[in-house]
Protein backbone atom coordinates (compact mmCIF):
# COMPACT_ATOMS: atom_id res chain seq x y z
CA MET A 1 97.01 11.79 -13.22
CA ALA A 2 94.77 14.57 -11.85
CA ILE A 3 91.91 15.85 -13.96
CA GLU A 4 92.23 19.55 -14.72
CA VAL A 5 89.36 21.99 -15.03
CA VAL A 6 89.87 25.44 -16.56
CA ALA A 7 87.85 28.40 -15.26
CA GLN A 8 87.85 32.20 -15.14
CA ALA A 9 86.68 34.61 -12.48
CA ARG A 10 83.12 35.81 -13.11
CA LYS A 11 82.30 39.50 -12.74
CA GLY A 12 78.60 39.61 -13.51
CA GLN A 13 76.15 38.58 -10.79
CA GLY A 14 72.46 37.75 -10.69
CA ARG A 15 70.08 35.77 -12.88
CA GLY A 16 70.36 38.07 -15.85
CA ALA A 17 74.14 37.79 -15.95
CA SER A 18 73.98 33.99 -15.58
CA ARG A 19 71.43 33.76 -18.37
CA ARG A 20 73.68 35.75 -20.70
CA LEU A 21 76.61 33.49 -19.84
CA ARG A 22 74.62 30.39 -20.78
CA HIS A 23 73.55 31.92 -24.08
CA SER A 24 77.22 32.55 -24.88
CA GLY A 25 78.22 28.92 -24.22
CA LYS A 26 79.48 29.41 -20.66
CA VAL A 27 78.50 27.85 -17.33
CA PRO A 28 78.31 29.92 -14.13
CA GLY A 29 79.76 28.38 -10.99
CA ILE A 30 81.25 29.00 -7.59
CA LEU A 31 84.45 27.99 -5.75
CA TYR A 32 84.33 27.94 -1.96
CA GLY A 33 85.89 26.34 1.11
CA GLY A 34 89.28 26.31 2.75
CA LYS A 35 90.58 29.52 4.29
CA LYS A 36 89.82 31.65 1.26
CA PRO A 37 86.67 33.57 0.34
CA ALA A 38 84.17 32.21 -2.16
CA VAL A 39 84.77 33.15 -5.80
CA SER A 40 82.25 33.29 -8.65
CA ILE A 41 83.61 31.53 -11.72
CA GLU A 42 82.65 30.66 -15.28
CA LEU A 43 83.64 27.70 -17.45
CA ASP A 44 83.29 26.70 -21.10
CA HIS A 45 80.21 24.52 -21.40
CA ASN A 46 81.22 21.79 -23.87
CA PRO A 47 84.54 20.72 -22.24
CA LEU A 48 82.82 20.66 -18.83
CA TYR A 49 79.84 18.70 -20.17
CA HIS A 50 82.10 15.95 -21.54
CA GLN A 51 84.10 15.80 -18.31
CA LEU A 52 80.89 15.33 -16.33
CA ARG A 53 80.15 12.18 -18.32
CA ASN A 54 83.26 10.58 -16.80
CA GLU A 55 82.45 8.76 -13.55
CA LYS A 56 85.91 9.50 -12.17
CA PHE A 57 85.28 13.23 -12.46
CA HIS A 58 82.64 12.99 -9.71
CA ALA A 59 84.78 11.15 -7.16
CA SER A 60 88.29 12.54 -7.61
CA VAL A 61 90.36 15.41 -6.37
CA LEU A 62 90.44 17.78 -9.35
CA THR A 63 92.90 20.50 -10.29
CA LEU A 64 91.10 23.78 -10.94
CA ALA A 65 93.12 26.24 -13.02
CA LEU A 66 91.64 29.65 -12.18
CA ASP A 67 93.22 32.60 -13.99
CA GLY A 68 96.61 30.91 -13.96
CA ALA A 69 96.54 29.72 -10.33
CA LYS A 70 95.85 26.04 -9.56
CA GLU A 71 93.96 24.63 -6.60
CA GLN A 72 92.85 21.19 -5.48
CA VAL A 73 89.07 20.94 -5.50
CA LEU A 74 86.13 18.53 -5.38
CA LEU A 75 83.00 18.71 -7.51
CA ARG A 76 80.20 19.27 -5.03
CA ALA A 77 77.07 20.02 -7.08
CA VAL A 78 75.85 20.08 -10.68
CA ASN A 79 72.56 21.57 -11.87
CA MET A 80 71.30 20.40 -15.26
CA HIS A 81 68.56 21.88 -17.45
CA PRO A 82 65.22 20.02 -16.94
CA PHE A 83 65.12 18.70 -20.52
CA LYS A 84 68.11 20.08 -22.43
CA LEU A 85 71.60 18.60 -22.40
CA GLN A 86 72.85 21.75 -20.76
CA VAL A 87 74.80 22.36 -17.55
CA GLN A 88 73.20 25.21 -15.61
CA HIS A 89 75.56 25.63 -12.65
CA VAL A 90 78.49 23.91 -10.87
CA ASP A 91 79.95 24.10 -7.37
CA PHE A 92 83.57 23.29 -6.46
CA GLN A 93 85.03 23.00 -2.97
CA ARG A 94 88.68 23.57 -2.08
CA VAL A 95 90.43 20.75 -0.24
CA SER A 96 93.49 20.67 2.00
CA ALA A 97 95.97 17.81 1.92
CA ASP A 98 95.84 17.42 5.72
CA GLU A 99 92.05 17.59 6.17
CA LYS A 100 89.67 14.65 5.66
CA ILE A 101 86.96 15.04 3.08
CA HIS A 102 83.45 13.63 3.03
CA ILE A 103 82.46 12.39 -0.43
CA LYS A 104 80.35 9.83 -2.28
CA VAL A 105 82.34 7.09 -4.01
CA PRO A 106 80.82 4.88 -6.77
CA LEU A 107 80.43 1.11 -6.33
CA HIS A 108 81.61 -1.40 -8.93
CA PHE A 109 79.90 -4.82 -8.79
CA VAL A 110 81.95 -7.85 -9.92
CA ASN A 111 81.70 -11.67 -10.16
CA ALA A 112 77.90 -11.83 -10.23
CA GLU A 113 78.04 -14.64 -12.82
CA LYS A 114 80.06 -16.78 -10.36
CA SER A 115 77.58 -16.47 -7.49
CA PRO A 116 75.40 -19.43 -6.37
CA ALA A 117 72.37 -17.17 -6.78
CA ILE A 118 72.85 -16.96 -10.55
CA LYS A 119 75.03 -19.95 -11.41
CA GLU A 120 73.10 -22.58 -9.43
CA GLN A 121 69.78 -21.15 -8.29
CA GLY A 122 68.60 -19.14 -11.31
CA GLY A 123 68.16 -16.01 -9.23
CA LEU A 124 68.51 -12.29 -9.78
CA ILE A 125 70.91 -9.90 -8.01
CA THR A 126 69.59 -6.40 -7.37
CA HIS A 127 71.96 -3.45 -6.89
CA VAL A 128 70.34 -1.39 -4.15
CA LEU A 129 73.07 1.29 -3.91
CA SER A 130 75.30 2.73 -6.61
CA GLU A 131 77.55 4.80 -4.31
CA ILE A 132 78.41 5.20 -0.62
CA ASP A 133 79.56 8.02 1.66
CA VAL A 134 83.15 7.84 2.91
CA ARG A 135 85.69 9.98 4.76
CA CYS A 136 89.39 10.10 3.97
CA LEU A 137 92.32 12.38 3.22
CA PRO A 138 92.43 13.64 -0.37
CA ALA A 139 95.45 11.44 -1.11
CA ASP A 140 93.54 8.30 -0.01
CA LEU A 141 90.39 8.94 -2.02
CA PRO A 142 89.60 5.80 -4.11
CA GLU A 143 88.22 6.05 -7.63
CA PHE A 144 85.61 3.40 -6.71
CA ILE A 145 84.90 0.64 -4.18
CA GLU A 146 84.53 -2.92 -5.40
CA VAL A 147 81.64 -5.18 -4.36
CA ASP A 148 82.38 -8.89 -4.81
CA LEU A 149 79.17 -10.86 -5.50
CA SER A 150 80.77 -14.29 -5.97
CA GLU A 151 79.45 -15.70 -2.65
CA ILE A 152 75.91 -14.33 -2.55
CA ALA A 153 73.03 -16.83 -2.57
CA ILE A 154 69.25 -16.55 -2.87
CA GLY A 155 67.70 -14.86 0.15
CA HIS A 156 70.95 -13.19 1.23
CA SER A 157 72.20 -9.59 1.04
CA ILE A 158 75.43 -7.64 1.25
CA HIS A 159 75.50 -4.60 3.55
CA VAL A 160 77.72 -1.54 3.58
CA ARG A 161 79.65 -2.54 6.69
CA GLU A 162 80.65 -5.83 5.04
CA LEU A 163 82.55 -4.09 2.24
CA PRO A 164 86.37 -4.12 2.40
CA LEU A 165 87.60 -0.51 2.24
CA PRO A 166 90.96 0.77 1.00
CA LYS A 167 93.51 1.88 3.55
CA GLY A 168 92.73 5.29 5.06
CA VAL A 169 89.05 5.19 4.00
CA GLU A 170 86.20 4.98 6.52
CA LEU A 171 82.44 4.84 6.15
CA ALA A 172 80.44 8.00 6.84
CA LEU A 173 77.60 6.27 8.69
CA GLY A 174 75.81 7.10 11.90
CA GLY A 175 74.87 4.82 14.79
CA ASN A 176 73.80 1.35 13.72
CA GLU A 177 73.12 2.39 10.16
CA ASN A 178 74.02 -0.41 7.76
CA PRO A 179 72.15 -0.09 4.45
CA THR A 180 71.84 -2.93 1.95
CA VAL A 181 74.17 -2.76 -1.05
CA ALA A 182 72.89 -5.76 -3.04
CA SER A 183 70.45 -8.64 -2.57
CA ALA A 184 69.72 -11.93 -4.34
CA GLN A 185 66.23 -13.24 -4.97
CA ILE A 186 64.12 -15.33 -7.32
CA PRO A 187 62.71 -13.19 -10.18
CA LYS A 188 59.03 -12.29 -9.78
CA ALA A 189 58.28 -13.76 -13.20
CA ALA A 190 59.63 -17.15 -12.10
CA ILE A 191 57.56 -17.02 -8.90
CA ALA A 192 54.43 -16.21 -10.91
CA GLU A 193 55.10 -19.14 -13.26
CA GLU A 194 55.50 -21.50 -10.29
CA GLU A 195 52.24 -20.29 -8.77
CA GLU A 196 50.41 -20.79 -12.07
CA ALA A 197 51.87 -24.29 -12.43
CA ALA A 198 50.82 -25.16 -8.87
CA ALA A 199 47.29 -23.89 -9.52
CA ALA A 200 47.07 -25.89 -12.74
CA ALA A 201 48.32 -29.01 -10.97
CA ALA A 202 45.75 -28.54 -8.21
CA ALA A 203 42.96 -28.16 -10.74
CA ALA A 204 44.09 -31.28 -12.59
CA GLY A 205 44.18 -33.22 -9.32
CA VAL A 206 40.55 -32.38 -8.61
CA GLY A 207 39.54 -33.61 -12.07
CA ILE A 208 41.36 -36.90 -11.60
CA GLU A 209 39.70 -37.50 -8.23
CA GLY A 210 36.33 -36.89 -9.83
CA ALA A 211 37.14 -39.32 -12.62
CA LEU A 212 38.24 -41.98 -10.11
CA ALA A 213 35.09 -41.73 -7.93
CA PRO A 214 33.50 -45.13 -6.92
CA ALA A 215 31.14 -46.64 -9.48
CA ALA A 216 28.38 -46.98 -6.88
CA GLU A 217 28.17 -43.22 -6.62
CA ALA A 218 27.78 -42.77 -10.36
CA VAL A 219 24.32 -42.18 -11.81
CA PRO A 220 23.19 -45.41 -13.64
CA ALA A 221 22.27 -45.27 -17.28
CA ALA A 222 18.61 -45.80 -18.25
CA ALA A 223 19.41 -49.04 -20.08
CA ASP A 224 20.96 -50.51 -16.91
CA VAL A 225 17.72 -50.20 -14.86
CA PRO A 226 15.92 -53.60 -14.47
CA THR A 227 12.90 -54.14 -16.70
CA VAL A 228 10.49 -54.61 -13.79
CA LYS A 229 11.17 -51.07 -12.70
CA GLN A 230 10.49 -49.58 -16.10
CA LYS A 231 7.21 -47.93 -17.02
CA ALA A 232 4.78 -49.97 -19.15
CA PRO A 233 5.27 -49.23 -22.84
CA ASP A 234 2.85 -46.83 -24.49
CA ALA A 235 2.29 -49.27 -27.39
CA ALA A 236 -0.10 -51.48 -25.29
CA PRO A 237 -3.32 -49.55 -26.13
CA ALA A 238 -2.54 -49.90 -29.79
CA VAL A 239 -2.43 -53.71 -29.43
CA GLU A 240 -5.77 -53.76 -27.63
CA GLU A 241 -7.30 -51.55 -30.29
CA LYS A 242 -6.03 -53.84 -33.02
CA GLY A 243 -7.23 -56.92 -31.21
CA GLY A 244 -10.68 -55.37 -30.56
CA LYS A 245 -11.13 -54.44 -34.14
CA GLY A 246 -10.12 -57.91 -35.25
CA GLY A 247 -12.75 -59.69 -33.03
CA LYS A 248 -15.60 -57.41 -33.88
CA GLY A 249 -14.80 -57.65 -37.52
CA GLU A 250 -14.97 -61.41 -37.56
CA LYS A 251 -18.38 -61.46 -35.78
CA ALA A 252 -19.77 -58.89 -38.14
CA ASP A 253 -18.60 -60.89 -41.12
CA LYS A 254 -20.29 -64.08 -39.81
CA GLY A 255 -23.52 -62.20 -39.25
CA ASP A 256 -23.46 -60.77 -42.72
CA ARG A 257 -22.80 -64.13 -44.25
CA GLY A 258 -25.70 -65.68 -42.25
CA ASP A 259 -28.08 -63.05 -43.50
CA LYS A 260 -27.08 -63.70 -47.02
CA LYS A 261 -27.80 -67.33 -46.59
């Protein structure tokens, strides 16, 4: 079922008129393309804002009801306020049933949990693109293109030209252009942990080698040095002093005793 957008022709032109429209809850826009002249339009803000939140609204042929007449259109551009949840301007392009259109189609990624990268190798799959450019007739326009990740392994990628496209849809690429859609790799955190573990193991290995060094290279303890190589003890003078005092004392005593006799 086609999505319908309701609009009215806009009479006022310029920044001042557009500003007044926004203050009144309207959104200025333009409708162009086909064999008809461009028309300035206005739309109610809130219904349009909620439609813009629907992914399908951005990649579908829409029905624009303009003052009672209906036309097939594509949403071509949306300008949002820098920080408010407010639509500033929209562009719609008319489409013809017999003319191919060039449009961006969203990608839907499936079966990542079944891939060797995640199931067996503990890796991470990165989505590089979220949409791709295609050409097709309005009737062949897909709502999205599916990307099957069930076969991707660590170190491998999926490229745009590998994607299976619906019938009547072709890629809008030039030359040898073939951008990456998704890639599988080991998370940086896991790599950092492995590097830290390797560094710790290397440091531990050095310590073990040091501990297992030959005994001959070790510095001997003081107690293990032979006695003949040791310095003479400092207590020797004290012995001589004691001995000297003892000898002199005995002679002095004998002399004293002789005098007394």
